[in-house]
Amino acid sequence: MYGSERHVLLRHYLAAGLSKTAIAARLGLDRSTIHRWIPPGITAGITSMSR
């Protein structure tokens, strides 16, 4: 899976309401990576997220 695909899936999973832990498991990444990729305070409605 390419990095851009992971970011697309990340946005999809956030919009669907999945937790950061669940997203990390689905993408095969560490939770700390997910926390770095998501700006503080963003949990849903992530249209402002770049990438």
C-alpha atoms as a PDB file:
ATOM      1  CA  MET A   1       0.000   0.000   0.000  1.00  0.00           C
ATOM      2  CA  TYR A   2       1.352   3.408  -0.934  1.00  0.00           C
ATOM      3  CA  GLY A   3       1.517   6.313   1.530  1.00  0.00           C
ATOM      4  CA  SER A   4      -1.143   8.317  -0.282  1.00  0.00           C
ATOM      5  CA  GLU A   5      -3.523   5.350  -0.147  1.00  0.00           C
ATOM      6  CA  ARG A   6      -3.041   5.152   3.607  1.00  0.00           C
ATOM      7  CA  HIS A   7      -3.898   8.834   3.981  1.00  0.00           C
ATOM      8  CA  VAL A   8      -7.066   8.380   1.925  1.00  0.00           C
ATOM      9  CA  LEU A   9      -8.070   5.414   4.069  1.00  0.00           C
ATOM     10  CA  LEU A  10      -7.184   7.363   7.201  1.00  0.00           C
ATOM     11  CA  ARG A  11      -9.599  10.144   6.217  1.00  0.00           C
ATOM     12  CA  HIS A  12     -12.279   7.581   5.355  1.00  0.00           C
ATOM     13  CA  TYR A  13     -11.902   5.749   8.662  1.00  0.00           C
ATOM     14  CA  LEU A  14     -11.960   9.013  10.646  1.00  0.00           C
ATOM     15  CA  ALA A  15     -15.118  10.112   8.869  1.00  0.00           C
ATOM     16  CA  ALA A  16     -16.644   6.715   9.669  1.00  0.00           C
ATOM     17  CA  GLY A  17     -15.940   7.304  13.365  1.00  0.00           C
ATOM     18  CA  LEU A  18     -13.255   4.686  13.972  1.00  0.00           C
ATOM     19  CA  SER A  19     -10.897   5.211  16.875  1.00  0.00           C
ATOM     20  CA  LYS A  20      -7.239   5.975  16.251  1.00  0.00           C
ATOM     21  CA  THR A  21      -6.357   2.559  17.680  1.00  0.00           C
ATOM     22  CA  ALA A  22      -8.748   0.803  15.276  1.00  0.00           C
ATOM     23  CA  ILE A  23      -7.402   2.810  12.345  1.00  0.00           C
ATOM     24  CA  ALA A  24      -3.827   1.870  13.237  1.00  0.00           C
ATOM     25  CA  ALA A  25      -4.779  -1.804  13.341  1.00  0.00           C
ATOM     26  CA  ARG A  26      -6.536  -1.657   9.969  1.00  0.00           C
ATOM     27  CA  LEU A  27      -3.649   0.165   8.300  1.00  0.00           C
ATOM     28  CA  GLY A  28      -0.982  -1.981   9.932  1.00  0.00           C
ATOM     29  CA  LEU A  29       0.646   1.025  11.564  1.00  0.00           C
ATOM     30  CA  ASP A  30       1.644   1.931  15.084  1.00  0.00           C
ATOM     31  CA  ARG A  31      -0.780   4.109  17.031  1.00  0.00           C
ATOM     32  CA  SER A  32       1.896   6.777  17.412  1.00  0.00           C
ATOM     33  CA  THR A  33       2.069   7.101  13.618  1.00  0.00           C
ATOM     34  CA  ILE A  34      -1.660   7.721  13.441  1.00  0.00           C
ATOM     35  CA  HIS A  35      -1.391  10.335  16.183  1.00  0.00           C
ATOM     36  CA  ARG A  36       1.361  12.122  14.239  1.00  0.00           C
ATOM     37  CA  TRP A  37      -0.677  12.085  11.018  1.00  0.00           C
ATOM     38  CA  ILE A  38      -3.822  13.533  12.589  1.00  0.00           C
ATOM     39  CA  PRO A  39      -3.688  17.185  13.697  1.00  0.00           C
ATOM     40  CA  PRO A  40      -4.688  17.748  17.349  1.00  0.00           C
ATOM     41  CA  GLY A  41      -8.435  18.050  17.867  1.00  0.00           C
ATOM     42  CA  ILE A  42      -9.368  16.438  14.554  1.00  0.00           C
ATOM     43  CA  THR A  43     -11.627  13.405  14.891  1.00  0.00           C
ATOM     44  CA  ALA A  44     -14.255  13.834  12.188  1.00  0.00           C
ATOM     45  CA  GLY A  45     -15.051  16.212   9.372  1.00  0.00           C
ATOM     46  CA  ILE A  46     -11.442  16.207   8.298  1.00  0.00           C
ATOM     47  CA  THR A  47     -11.829  18.216   5.128  1.00  0.00           C
ATOM     48  CA  SER A  48      -9.268  20.711   6.443  1.00  0.00           C
ATOM     49  CA  MET A  49      -6.589  18.033   6.645  1.00  0.00           C
ATOM     50  CA  SER A  50      -3.946  18.414   3.948  1.00  0.00           C
ATOM     51  CA  ARG A  51      -2.688  15.469   1.864  1.00  0.00           C
END
